Amino acid sequence: MNIQPKIIYSPKYDIRFFGIEKLHPFDSRKYSRTWEKLITEFGSQLLKNITTQPQKPASQSELLTVHNDYYLNLLKSSQYVAQALELPPLAIVPNWIQNQFVLTPMLWATKGTIIAGEEALKNGIAINLSGGYHHASKERGEGFCIYSDIAISIALLQKSNKIKKGEKVIVIDLDAHQGNGLERIFHNDPDVLIFDMYNQDIYPQDIWARESINYDIPLHLGTQDEQYLSLLKEKLPSFLNQASEVKIAFYNAGTDIYESDPLGGLKISENGVLERDKFVFKNLTEANIPWVMVLSGGYTQQSYKLIANSISYLLHQCFINS
């Protein structure tokens, strides 16, 4: 596999909503902050040479490959959107304003994951500097997740026959929260295999969704580097060895495992987050599996730095040290 990593990014990923976004701990501008940190390190020329920018947000027809009309109509309700985003004050905001300032950035990010899936198949690695909305299911949004970007990307690759029937897709979900939306969508799909390592003591504790996890690795509050990395290094190679005919992998690289994160409940150091990502990158690349990375959760002001550290490591491996 000839590897030429691609970054997918648009400044339209950021959510700016008159400061209301600050009521949620999620850093809704970590996308541009990550980009700017990478520009500072590598310079604009290298970054622009390897970056693809979405030219439009995800379309209704693309959304309908996974979501149904019933759910997309629910998103016309201010109350419903506020509930799904866990931002109660948004319930009194007109829906058209929600659309413009919150949902539309998520549609741009979803398009980014769609493009990342295509780019990974062509170039080996693609990183969307957003996405990873793993709590969204076919007919429900929750946990600050509205559109199931990974599932939509998979569905479109299958629809275009870039992933043929019987070819496997793997999802490696290392966000601190169980990826219940994806697990619900792929509950009866033998072609999508899920590896999920998460804090079982926090939201969403979705028992039914857990049934579709192929490698289910629940952790407890306060899990630290040594135990976390030991489990990952034991379980992930075994998962990859048992997954045959893999066409592509999607890596949900949530930084909410970080020790200072207010929601993740784990105690993984800055170096532990980097070691996690390095191990995933190495194993997927050595297995010759094209892969997509999406950012998922991360609720500290340090989140963008953790992401940039991991992408910086990868770019150094591919361009500086090669």
C-alpha atoms as a PDB file:
ATOM      1  CA  MET A   1       0.000   0.000   0.000  1.00  0.00           C
ATOM      2  CA  ASN A   2       1.477   3.344  -1.080  1.00  0.00           C
ATOM      3  CA  ILE A   3       0.789   5.652   1.879  1.00  0.00           C
ATOM      4  CA  GLN A   4       0.263   9.360   1.298  1.00  0.00           C
ATOM      5  CA  PRO A   5      -1.669  10.697   4.296  1.00  0.00           C
ATOM      6  CA  LYS A   6      -4.432  13.175   3.596  1.00  0.00           C
ATOM      7  CA  ILE A   7      -5.996  15.663   6.000  1.00  0.00           C
ATOM      8  CA  ILE A   8      -9.605  16.715   5.503  1.00  0.00           C
ATOM      9  CA  TYR A   9     -10.411  20.100   6.987  1.00  0.00           C
ATOM     10  CA  SER A  10     -12.642  23.132   6.591  1.00  0.00           C
ATOM     11  CA  PRO A  11     -12.816  26.258   8.761  1.00  0.00           C
ATOM     12  CA  LYS A  12     -16.571  25.685   8.584  1.00  0.00           C
ATOM     13  CA  TYR A  13     -16.199  22.816  11.087  1.00  0.00           C
ATOM     14  CA  ASP A  14     -16.040  25.230  14.034  1.00  0.00           C
ATOM     15  CA  ILE A  15     -19.239  25.916  15.970  1.00  0.00           C
ATOM     16  CA  ARG A  16     -19.594  29.589  16.886  1.00  0.00           C
ATOM     17  CA  PHE A  17     -22.924  30.434  18.421  1.00  0.00           C
ATOM     18  CA  PHE A  18     -22.829  33.739  20.305  1.00  0.00           C
ATOM     19  CA  GLY A  19     -21.065  32.024  23.215  1.00  0.00           C
ATOM     20  CA  ILE A  20     -23.883  29.549  23.918  1.00  0.00           C
ATOM     21  CA  GLU A  21     -21.553  26.715  22.858  1.00  0.00           C
ATOM     22  CA  LYS A  22     -19.485  27.502  25.979  1.00  0.00           C
ATOM     23  CA  LEU A  23     -22.334  26.140  28.122  1.00  0.00           C
ATOM     24  CA  HIS A  24     -21.239  22.669  26.973  1.00  0.00           C
ATOM     25  CA  PRO A  25     -17.736  21.501  27.968  1.00  0.00           C
ATOM     26  CA  PHE A  26     -17.009  20.430  24.371  1.00  0.00           C
ATOM     27  CA  ASP A  27     -14.401  22.665  22.709  1.00  0.00           C
ATOM     28  CA  SER A  28     -16.332  23.440  19.533  1.00  0.00           C
ATOM     29  CA  ARG A  29     -13.341  25.226  17.988  1.00  0.00           C
ATOM     30  CA  LYS A  30     -10.739  22.516  18.520  1.00  0.00           C
ATOM     31  CA  TYR A  31     -10.819  21.804  14.773  1.00  0.00           C
ATOM     32  CA  SER A  32      -9.335  25.139  13.701  1.00  0.00           C
ATOM     33  CA  ARG A  33      -7.052  25.177  16.740  1.00  0.00           C
ATOM     34  CA  THR A  34      -5.614  21.802  15.701  1.00  0.00           C
ATOM     35  CA  TRP A  35      -5.157  23.065  12.140  1.00  0.00           C
ATOM     36  CA  GLU A  36      -3.424  26.245  13.284  1.00  0.00           C
ATOM     37  CA  LYS A  37      -1.056  24.316  15.556  1.00  0.00           C
ATOM     38  CA  LEU A  38      -0.089  22.030  12.664  1.00  0.00           C
ATOM     39  CA  ILE A  39       0.447  25.058  10.399  1.00  0.00           C
ATOM     40  CA  THR A  40       2.781  26.530  13.010  1.00  0.00           C
ATOM     41  CA  GLU A  41       4.830  23.334  13.110  1.00  0.00           C
ATOM     42  CA  PHE A  42       4.891  22.263   9.467  1.00  0.00           C
ATOM     43  CA  GLY A  43       4.155  25.459   7.549  1.00  0.00           C
ATOM     44  CA  SER A  44       1.189  26.193   5.348  1.00  0.00           C
ATOM     45  CA  GLN A  45       2.718  24.786   2.151  1.00  0.00           C
ATOM     46  CA  LEU A  46       3.099  21.180   3.362  1.00  0.00           C
ATOM     47  CA  LEU A  47      -0.300  21.216   5.077  1.00  0.00           C
ATOM     48  CA  LYS A  48      -2.092  22.624   2.038  1.00  0.00           C
ATOM     49  CA  ASN A  49      -0.399  20.095  -0.236  1.00  0.00           C
ATOM     50  CA  ILE A  50      -1.862  17.188   1.730  1.00  0.00           C
ATOM     51  CA  THR A  51      -5.220  18.723   2.659  1.00  0.00           C
ATOM     52  CA  THR A  52      -8.565  18.278   0.947  1.00  0.00           C
ATOM     53  CA  GLN A  53     -11.256  20.808   1.816  1.00  0.00           C
ATOM     54  CA  PRO A  54     -14.927  19.831   1.508  1.00  0.00           C
ATOM     55  CA  GLN A  55     -16.669  22.036  -1.036  1.00  0.00           C
ATOM     56  CA  LYS A  56     -20.167  21.505   0.341  1.00  0.00           C
ATOM     57  CA  PRO A  57     -21.850  19.989   3.408  1.00  0.00           C
ATOM     58  CA  ALA A  58     -23.319  16.474   3.440  1.00  0.00           C
ATOM     59  CA  SER A  59     -26.525  16.354   1.388  1.00  0.00           C
ATOM     60  CA  GLN A  60     -29.957  15.069   2.324  1.00  0.00           C
ATOM     61  CA  SER A  61     -29.503  12.056   0.046  1.00  0.00           C
ATOM     62  CA  GLU A  62     -26.178  11.228   1.727  1.00  0.00           C
ATOM     63  CA  LEU A  63     -27.768  11.470   5.173  1.00  0.00           C
ATOM     64  CA  LEU A  64     -30.596   9.171   4.049  1.00  0.00           C
ATOM     65  CA  THR A  65     -28.168   6.316   3.384  1.00  0.00           C
ATOM     66  CA  VAL A  66     -28.251   5.830   7.194  1.00  0.00           C
ATOM     67  CA  HIS A  67     -30.835   8.127   8.805  1.00  0.00           C
ATOM     68  CA  ASN A  68     -34.540   8.076   7.995  1.00  0.00           C
ATOM     69  CA  ASP A  69     -37.019  10.830   7.122  1.00  0.00           C
ATOM     70  CA  TYR A  70     -38.655  10.558  10.531  1.00  0.00           C
ATOM     71  CA  TYR A  71     -35.417  11.454  12.294  1.00  0.00           C
ATOM     72  CA  LEU A  72     -34.368  14.210   9.891  1.00  0.00           C
ATOM     73  CA  ASN A  73     -37.786  15.806  10.414  1.00  0.00           C
ATOM     74  CA  LEU A  74     -37.246  15.678  14.192  1.00  0.00           C
ATOM     75  CA  LEU A  75     -34.249  17.958  13.650  1.00  0.00           C
ATOM     76  CA  LYS A  76     -36.687  20.714  12.670  1.00  0.00           C
ATOM     77  CA  SER A  77     -37.695  20.900  16.345  1.00  0.00           C
ATOM     78  CA  SER A  78     -35.648  23.302  18.475  1.00  0.00           C
ATOM     79  CA  GLN A  79     -36.520  21.295  21.576  1.00  0.00           C
ATOM     80  CA  TYR A  80     -35.333  18.034  20.045  1.00  0.00           C
ATOM     81  CA  VAL A  81     -32.042  19.494  18.820  1.00  0.00           C
ATOM     82  CA  ALA A  82     -31.375  21.087  22.219  1.00  0.00           C
ATOM     83  CA  GLN A  83     -31.938  17.718  23.899  1.00  0.00           C
ATOM     84  CA  ALA A  84     -29.658  15.856  21.479  1.00  0.00           C
ATOM     85  CA  LEU A  85     -26.917  18.444  21.912  1.00  0.00           C
ATOM     86  CA  GLU A  86     -27.352  18.491  25.702  1.00  0.00           C
ATOM     87  CA  LEU A  87     -27.746  22.277  25.565  1.00  0.00           C
ATOM     88  CA  PRO A  88     -31.146  23.054  27.173  1.00  0.00           C
ATOM     89  CA  PRO A  89     -30.921  26.836  26.514  1.00  0.00           C
ATOM     90  CA  LEU A  90     -31.009  26.084  22.775  1.00  0.00           C
ATOM     91  CA  ALA A  91     -34.639  24.947  23.115  1.00  0.00           C
ATOM     92  CA  ILE A  92     -35.835  28.571  22.880  1.00  0.00           C
ATOM     93  CA  VAL A  93     -33.641  29.386  19.869  1.00  0.00           C
ATOM     94  CA  PRO A  94     -35.394  29.368  16.460  1.00  0.00           C
ATOM     95  CA  ASN A  95     -34.595  26.237  14.481  1.00  0.00           C
ATOM     96  CA  TRP A  96     -33.178  28.142  11.494  1.00  0.00           C
ATOM     97  CA  ILE A  97     -30.547  29.675  13.788  1.00  0.00           C
ATOM     98  CA  GLN A  98     -29.708  26.222  15.223  1.00  0.00           C
ATOM     99  CA  ASN A  99     -29.306  24.997  11.668  1.00  0.00           C
ATOM    100  CA  GLN A 100     -27.019  27.789  10.603  1.00  0.00           C
ATOM    101  CA  PHE A 101     -24.702  27.824  13.600  1.00  0.00           C
ATOM    102  CA  VAL A 102     -24.730  24.237  14.931  1.00  0.00           C
ATOM    103  CA  LEU A 103     -26.162  21.644  12.539  1.00  0.00           C
ATOM    104  CA  THR A 104     -24.546  23.020   9.389  1.00  0.00           C
ATOM    105  CA  PRO A 105     -20.996  22.804  10.825  1.00  0.00           C
ATOM    106  CA  MET A 106     -21.785  19.184  11.696  1.00  0.00           C
ATOM    107  CA  LEU A 107     -22.923  18.592   8.112  1.00  0.00           C
ATOM    108  CA  TRP A 108     -19.594  19.968   6.861  1.00  0.00           C
ATOM    109  CA  ALA A 109     -17.786  17.637   9.278  1.00  0.00           C
ATOM    110  CA  THR A 110     -19.891  14.693   8.095  1.00  0.00           C
ATOM    111  CA  LYS A 111     -18.919  15.481   4.503  1.00  0.00           C
ATOM    112  CA  GLY A 112     -15.320  15.471   5.706  1.00  0.00           C
ATOM    113  CA  THR A 113     -15.654  11.904   6.969  1.00  0.00           C
ATOM    114  CA  ILE A 114     -17.282  10.884   3.671  1.00  0.00           C
ATOM    115  CA  ILE A 115     -14.303  12.324   1.783  1.00  0.00           C
ATOM    116  CA  ALA A 116     -11.871  10.765   4.275  1.00  0.00           C
ATOM    117  CA  GLY A 117     -13.256   7.298   3.532  1.00  0.00           C
ATOM    118  CA  GLU A 118     -12.629   7.783  -0.192  1.00  0.00           C
ATOM    119  CA  GLU A 119      -9.179   9.287   0.362  1.00  0.00           C
ATOM    120  CA  ALA A 120      -8.095   6.484   2.693  1.00  0.00           C
ATOM    121  CA  LEU A 121      -8.881   3.878   0.041  1.00  0.00           C
ATOM    122  CA  LYS A 122      -6.783   5.840  -2.463  1.00  0.00           C
ATOM    123  CA  ASN A 123      -3.943   7.036  -0.237  1.00  0.00           C
ATOM    124  CA  GLY A 124      -3.807   4.669   2.755  1.00  0.00           C
ATOM    125  CA  ILE A 125      -4.502   7.210   5.520  1.00  0.00           C
ATOM    126  CA  ALA A 126      -6.981  10.057   5.897  1.00  0.00           C
ATOM    127  CA  ILE A 127      -7.612  12.217   8.956  1.00  0.00           C
ATOM    128  CA  ASN A 128     -10.784  14.269   9.218  1.00  0.00           C
ATOM    129  CA  LEU A 129     -10.193  17.113  11.680  1.00  0.00           C
ATOM    130  CA  SER A 130     -13.703  16.647  13.065  1.00  0.00           C
ATOM    131  CA  GLY A 131     -16.397  13.956  13.052  1.00  0.00           C
ATOM    132  CA  GLY A 132     -16.686  10.830  15.143  1.00  0.00           C
ATOM    133  CA  TYR A 133     -20.334  11.387  16.107  1.00  0.00           C
ATOM    134  CA  HIS A 134     -20.623   7.864  17.475  1.00  0.00           C
ATOM    135  CA  HIS A 135     -23.752   8.330  19.635  1.00  0.00           C
ATOM    136  CA  ALA A 136     -26.027   9.204  16.696  1.00  0.00           C
ATOM    137  CA  SER A 137     -28.114   6.261  15.469  1.00  0.00           C
ATOM    138  CA  LYS A 138     -30.543   5.792  12.592  1.00  0.00           C
ATOM    139  CA  GLU A 139     -33.408   7.663  14.210  1.00  0.00           C
ATOM    140  CA  ARG A 140     -31.944   9.325  17.265  1.00  0.00           C
ATOM    141  CA  GLY A 141     -29.417  12.022  18.096  1.00  0.00           C
ATOM    142  CA  GLU A 142     -27.817  12.185  21.527  1.00  0.00           C
ATOM    143  CA  GLY A 143     -24.592  13.013  23.345  1.00  0.00           C
ATOM    144  CA  PHE A 144     -23.757  16.039  21.158  1.00  0.00           C
ATOM    145  CA  CYS A 145     -23.985  13.753  18.091  1.00  0.00           C
ATOM    146  CA  ILE A 146     -26.527  14.466  15.332  1.00  0.00           C
ATOM    147  CA  TYR A 147     -25.291  12.701  12.182  1.00  0.00           C
ATOM    148  CA  SER A 148     -23.609   9.283  12.141  1.00  0.00           C
ATOM    149  CA  ASP A 149     -20.725  10.347   9.922  1.00  0.00           C
ATOM    150  CA  ILE A 150     -18.787   7.072  10.044  1.00  0.00           C
ATOM    151  CA  ALA A 151     -21.864   4.993   9.164  1.00  0.00           C
ATOM    152  CA  ILE A 152     -22.733   7.372   6.321  1.00  0.00           C
ATOM    153  CA  SER A 153     -19.200   7.138   4.936  1.00  0.00           C
ATOM    154  CA  ILE A 154     -19.353   3.328   5.071  1.00  0.00           C
ATOM    155  CA  ALA A 155     -22.809   3.224   3.456  1.00  0.00           C
ATOM    156  CA  LEU A 156     -21.706   5.442   0.568  1.00  0.00           C
ATOM    157  CA  LEU A 157     -18.546   3.390  -0.045  1.00  0.00           C
ATOM    158  CA  GLN A 158     -20.712   0.260  -0.150  1.00  0.00           C
ATOM    159  CA  LYS A 159     -23.273   1.946  -2.408  1.00  0.00           C
ATOM    160  CA  SER A 160     -20.548   2.952  -4.893  1.00  0.00           C
ATOM    161  CA  ASN A 161     -19.120  -0.588  -4.759  1.00  0.00           C
ATOM    162  CA  LYS A 162     -15.786   0.664  -3.413  1.00  0.00           C
ATOM    163  CA  ILE A 163     -16.509  -1.731  -0.567  1.00  0.00           C
ATOM    164  CA  LYS A 164     -17.950  -4.915  -2.023  1.00  0.00           C
ATOM    165  CA  LYS A 165     -20.340  -7.282  -0.309  1.00  0.00           C
ATOM    166  CA  GLY A 166     -18.425  -9.531   2.078  1.00  0.00           C
ATOM    167  CA  GLU A 167     -15.519  -7.124   2.481  1.00  0.00           C
ATOM    168  CA  LYS A 168     -15.106  -6.132   6.093  1.00  0.00           C
ATOM    169  CA  VAL A 169     -15.035  -2.699   7.685  1.00  0.00           C
ATOM    170  CA  ILE A 170     -13.617  -2.315  11.175  1.00  0.00           C
ATOM    171  CA  VAL A 171     -14.351   0.425  13.687  1.00  0.00           C
ATOM    172  CA  ILE A 172     -11.818   1.016  16.465  1.00  0.00           C
ATOM    173  CA  ASP A 173     -13.546   3.207  19.024  1.00  0.00           C
ATOM    174  CA  LEU A 174     -11.224   4.538  21.728  1.00  0.00           C
ATOM    175  CA  ASP A 175     -13.345   7.475  22.834  1.00  0.00           C
ATOM    176  CA  ALA A 176     -13.994   7.326  26.589  1.00  0.00           C
ATOM    177  CA  HIS A 177     -17.699   6.742  25.943  1.00  0.00           C
ATOM    178  CA  GLN A 178     -19.292   3.616  24.486  1.00  0.00           C
ATOM    179  CA  GLY A 179     -20.054   4.189  20.795  1.00  0.00           C
ATOM    180  CA  ASN A 180     -23.669   3.124  21.121  1.00  0.00           C
ATOM    181  CA  GLY A 181     -25.038   4.871  18.024  1.00  0.00           C
ATOM    182  CA  LEU A 182     -22.711   3.055  15.637  1.00  0.00           C
ATOM    183  CA  GLU A 183     -23.325  -0.184  17.498  1.00  0.00           C
ATOM    184  CA  ARG A 184     -27.073   0.238  17.058  1.00  0.00           C
ATOM    185  CA  ILE A 185     -26.738   0.976  13.335  1.00  0.00           C
ATOM    186  CA  PHE A 186     -24.535  -2.077  12.709  1.00  0.00           C
ATOM    187  CA  HIS A 187     -26.269  -4.391  15.185  1.00  0.00           C
ATOM    188  CA  ASN A 188     -27.073  -7.029  12.574  1.00  0.00           C
ATOM    189  CA  ASP A 189     -24.303  -6.319  10.050  1.00  0.00           C
ATOM    190  CA  PRO A 190     -21.650  -9.068   9.913  1.00  0.00           C
ATOM    191  CA  ASP A 191     -19.500  -6.960   7.568  1.00  0.00           C
ATOM    192  CA  VAL A 192     -18.808  -4.256  10.186  1.00  0.00           C
ATOM    193  CA  LEU A 193     -16.645  -5.333  13.121  1.00  0.00           C
ATOM    194  CA  ILE A 194     -16.384  -3.121  16.203  1.00  0.00           C
ATOM    195  CA  PHE A 195     -13.601  -2.810  18.780  1.00  0.00           C
ATOM    196  CA  ASP A 196     -14.747  -0.582  21.644  1.00  0.00           C
ATOM    197  CA  MET A 197     -12.695   0.253  24.743  1.00  0.00           C
ATOM    198  CA  TYR A 198     -14.570   2.683  26.990  1.00  0.00           C
ATOM    199  CA  ASN A 199     -15.484   3.708  30.538  1.00  0.00           C
ATOM    200  CA  GLN A 200     -18.464   1.519  31.451  1.00  0.00           C
ATOM    201  CA  ASP A 201     -19.262   3.595  34.552  1.00  0.00           C
ATOM    202  CA  ILE A 202     -20.444   6.646  32.579  1.00  0.00           C
ATOM    203  CA  TYR A 203     -22.936   7.514  29.819  1.00  0.00           C
ATOM    204  CA  PRO A 204     -24.415   5.907  27.739  1.00  0.00           C
ATOM    205  CA  GLN A 205     -24.433   2.411  29.347  1.00  0.00           C
ATOM    206  CA  ASP A 206     -26.408   1.075  26.377  1.00  0.00           C
ATOM    207  CA  ILE A 207     -26.802  -2.644  27.108  1.00  0.00           C
ATOM    208  CA  TRP A 208     -28.528  -3.551  23.841  1.00  0.00           C
ATOM    209  CA  ALA A 209     -25.914  -1.753  21.753  1.00  0.00           C
ATOM    210  CA  ARG A 210     -23.121  -3.625  23.563  1.00  0.00           C
ATOM    211  CA  GLU A 211     -24.349  -6.882  22.029  1.00  0.00           C
ATOM    212  CA  SER A 212     -22.929  -5.863  18.648  1.00  0.00           C
ATOM    213  CA  ILE A 213     -19.403  -5.077  19.902  1.00  0.00           C
ATOM    214  CA  ASN A 214     -17.037  -7.759  18.614  1.00  0.00           C
ATOM    215  CA  TYR A 215     -14.257  -6.809  21.049  1.00  0.00           C
ATOM    216  CA  ASP A 216     -15.920  -5.297  24.103  1.00  0.00           C
ATOM    217  CA  ILE A 217     -13.379  -3.861  26.569  1.00  0.00           C
ATOM    218  CA  PRO A 218     -15.169  -1.992  29.374  1.00  0.00           C
ATOM    219  CA  LEU A 219     -13.002   0.021  31.765  1.00  0.00           C
ATOM    220  CA  HIS A 220     -13.694   1.582  35.165  1.00  0.00           C
ATOM    221  CA  LEU A 221     -13.441   5.118  36.460  1.00  0.00           C
ATOM    222  CA  GLY A 222      -9.869   6.185  37.090  1.00  0.00           C
ATOM    223  CA  THR A 223      -8.147   3.699  34.740  1.00  0.00           C
ATOM    224  CA  GLN A 224      -4.534   4.861  34.266  1.00  0.00           C
ATOM    225  CA  ASP A 225      -1.882   4.585  31.548  1.00  0.00           C
ATOM    226  CA  GLU A 226      -0.343   1.255  32.487  1.00  0.00           C
ATOM    227  CA  GLN A 227      -3.568  -0.739  32.574  1.00  0.00           C
ATOM    228  CA  TYR A 228      -5.073   1.096  29.592  1.00  0.00           C
ATOM    229  CA  LEU A 229      -2.095   0.656  27.281  1.00  0.00           C
ATOM    230  CA  SER A 230      -1.527  -2.915  28.436  1.00  0.00           C
ATOM    231  CA  LEU A 231      -5.103  -3.853  27.511  1.00  0.00           C
ATOM    232  CA  LEU A 232      -4.894  -2.067  24.163  1.00  0.00           C
ATOM    233  CA  LYS A 233      -1.599  -3.756  23.275  1.00  0.00           C
ATOM    234  CA  GLU A 234      -3.032  -7.153  24.211  1.00  0.00           C
ATOM    235  CA  LYS A 235      -6.440  -6.860  22.561  1.00  0.00           C
ATOM    236  CA  LEU A 236      -6.028  -4.777  19.385  1.00  0.00           C
ATOM    237  CA  PRO A 237      -3.538  -7.069  17.574  1.00  0.00           C
ATOM    238  CA  SER A 238      -5.765 -10.028  18.398  1.00  0.00           C
ATOM    239  CA  PHE A 239      -8.774  -8.190  16.947  1.00  0.00           C
ATOM    240  CA  LEU A 240      -6.898  -7.305  13.762  1.00  0.00           C
ATOM    241  CA  ASN A 241      -5.567 -10.845  13.378  1.00  0.00           C
ATOM    242  CA  GLN A 242      -9.087 -12.273  13.512  1.00  0.00           C
ATOM    243  CA  ALA A 243     -10.534  -9.749  11.056  1.00  0.00           C
ATOM    244  CA  SER A 244      -9.995 -11.028   7.518  1.00  0.00           C
ATOM    245  CA  GLU A 245     -10.841  -9.355   4.198  1.00  0.00           C
ATOM    246  CA  VAL A 246     -10.699  -5.902   5.825  1.00  0.00           C
ATOM    247  CA  LYS A 247     -11.173  -3.136   3.278  1.00  0.00           C
ATOM    248  CA  ILE A 248     -10.936  -0.110   5.580  1.00  0.00           C
ATOM    249  CA  ALA A 249     -10.780   0.878   9.254  1.00  0.00           C
ATOM    250  CA  PHE A 250     -12.305   3.888  11.009  1.00  0.00           C
ATOM    251  CA  TYR A 251     -10.502   5.045  14.134  1.00  0.00           C
ATOM    252  CA  ASN A 252     -12.541   7.090  16.624  1.00  0.00           C
ATOM    253  CA  ALA A 253      -9.678   8.828  18.429  1.00  0.00           C
ATOM    254  CA  GLY A 254     -11.478  10.583  21.274  1.00  0.00           C
ATOM    255  CA  THR A 255      -9.202  12.614  23.546  1.00  0.00           C
ATOM    256  CA  ASP A 256     -11.701  12.474  26.411  1.00  0.00           C
ATOM    257  CA  ILE A 257      -9.609   9.670  27.932  1.00  0.00           C
ATOM    258  CA  TYR A 258      -7.233  12.441  29.065  1.00  0.00           C
ATOM    259  CA  GLU A 259      -6.761  12.736  32.829  1.00  0.00           C
ATOM    260  CA  SER A 260      -8.107  16.318  33.027  1.00  0.00           C
ATOM    261  CA  ASP A 261     -11.232  15.637  30.988  1.00  0.00           C
ATOM    262  CA  PRO A 262     -14.401  16.481  32.971  1.00  0.00           C
ATOM    263  CA  LEU A 263     -16.578  13.827  31.308  1.00  0.00           C
ATOM    264  CA  GLY A 264     -14.399  10.833  30.395  1.00  0.00           C
ATOM    265  CA  GLY A 265     -13.610   9.637  33.917  1.00  0.00           C
ATOM    266  CA  LEU A 266     -10.289   8.037  32.905  1.00  0.00           C
ATOM    267  CA  LYS A 267      -6.802   9.092  33.982  1.00  0.00           C
ATOM    268  CA  ILE A 268      -4.677   8.815  30.859  1.00  0.00           C
ATOM    269  CA  SER A 269      -1.700  11.182  30.668  1.00  0.00           C
ATOM    270  CA  GLU A 270      -0.757  13.353  27.697  1.00  0.00           C
ATOM    271  CA  ASN A 271       1.960  10.862  26.817  1.00  0.00           C
ATOM    272  CA  GLY A 272      -0.514   7.986  27.268  1.00  0.00           C
ATOM    273  CA  VAL A 273      -2.852   9.514  24.666  1.00  0.00           C
ATOM    274  CA  LEU A 274       0.052   9.822  22.218  1.00  0.00           C
ATOM    275  CA  GLU A 275       1.204   6.244  22.899  1.00  0.00           C
ATOM    276  CA  ARG A 276      -2.350   5.006  22.271  1.00  0.00           C
ATOM    277  CA  ASP A 277      -2.511   6.721  18.893  1.00  0.00           C
ATOM    278  CA  LYS A 278       0.988   5.636  17.870  1.00  0.00           C
ATOM    279  CA  PHE A 279       0.076   2.019  18.641  1.00  0.00           C
ATOM    280  CA  VAL A 280      -3.152   2.180  16.597  1.00  0.00           C
ATOM    281  CA  PHE A 281      -1.373   3.887  13.667  1.00  0.00           C
ATOM    282  CA  LYS A 282       1.422   1.295  13.695  1.00  0.00           C
ATOM    283  CA  ASN A 283      -0.865  -1.734  13.867  1.00  0.00           C
ATOM    284  CA  LEU A 284      -3.241  -0.590  11.135  1.00  0.00           C
ATOM    285  CA  THR A 285      -0.415   0.406   8.811  1.00  0.00           C
ATOM    286  CA  GLU A 286       1.528  -2.829   9.378  1.00  0.00           C
ATOM    287  CA  ALA A 287      -1.671  -4.803   8.728  1.00  0.00           C
ATOM    288  CA  ASN A 288      -1.875  -2.990   5.372  1.00  0.00           C
ATOM    289  CA  ILE A 289      -5.357  -1.684   6.191  1.00  0.00           C
ATOM    290  CA  PRO A 290      -6.340   1.760   4.849  1.00  0.00           C
ATOM    291  CA  TRP A 291      -7.638   3.842   7.740  1.00  0.00           C
ATOM    292  CA  VAL A 292      -9.574   6.967   8.625  1.00  0.00           C
ATOM    293  CA  MET A 293      -9.095   8.891  11.873  1.00  0.00           C
ATOM    294  CA  VAL A 294     -11.845  11.129  13.267  1.00  0.00           C
ATOM    295  CA  LEU A 295     -11.600  13.286  16.392  1.00  0.00           C
ATOM    296  CA  SER A 296     -14.719  12.386  18.410  1.00  0.00           C
ATOM    297  CA  GLY A 297     -14.931  13.542  22.058  1.00  0.00           C
ATOM    298  CA  GLY A 298     -12.535  15.709  24.027  1.00  0.00           C
ATOM    299  CA  TYR A 299     -13.740  18.242  26.557  1.00  0.00           C
ATOM    300  CA  THR A 300     -10.682  20.172  27.701  1.00  0.00           C
ATOM    301  CA  GLN A 301      -8.851  23.175  26.306  1.00  0.00           C
ATOM    302  CA  GLN A 302      -5.859  20.836  25.883  1.00  0.00           C
ATOM    303  CA  SER A 303      -7.783  18.538  23.531  1.00  0.00           C
ATOM    304  CA  TYR A 304      -6.586  20.178  20.323  1.00  0.00           C
ATOM    305  CA  LYS A 305      -2.954  19.943  21.498  1.00  0.00           C
ATOM    306  CA  LEU A 306      -3.314  16.200  22.110  1.00  0.00           C
ATOM    307  CA  ILE A 307      -4.768  15.741  18.628  1.00  0.00           C
ATOM    308  CA  ALA A 308      -2.055  17.858  17.019  1.00  0.00           C
ATOM    309  CA  ASN A 309       0.655  15.885  18.865  1.00  0.00           C
ATOM    310  CA  SER A 310      -0.581  12.617  17.354  1.00  0.00           C
ATOM    311  CA  ILE A 311      -0.996  14.002  13.828  1.00  0.00           C
ATOM    312  CA  SER A 312       2.424  15.666  14.096  1.00  0.00           C
ATOM    313  CA  TYR A 313       3.974  12.307  15.004  1.00  0.00           C
ATOM    314  CA  LEU A 314       2.317  10.685  11.987  1.00  0.00           C
ATOM    315  CA  LEU A 315       3.394  13.421   9.560  1.00  0.00           C
ATOM    316  CA  HIS A 316       6.968  13.254  10.830  1.00  0.00           C
ATOM    317  CA  GLN A 317       6.947   9.489  10.239  1.00  0.00           C
ATOM    318  CA  CYS A 318       5.574   9.861   6.718  1.00  0.00           C
ATOM    319  CA  PHE A 319       7.295  13.000   5.454  1.00  0.00           C
ATOM    320  CA  ILE A 320      10.167  14.081   7.671  1.00  0.00           C
ATOM    321  CA  ASN A 321      11.761  10.784   8.691  1.00  0.00           C
ATOM    322  CA  SER A 322      10.990   8.771   5.549  1.00  0.00           C
END
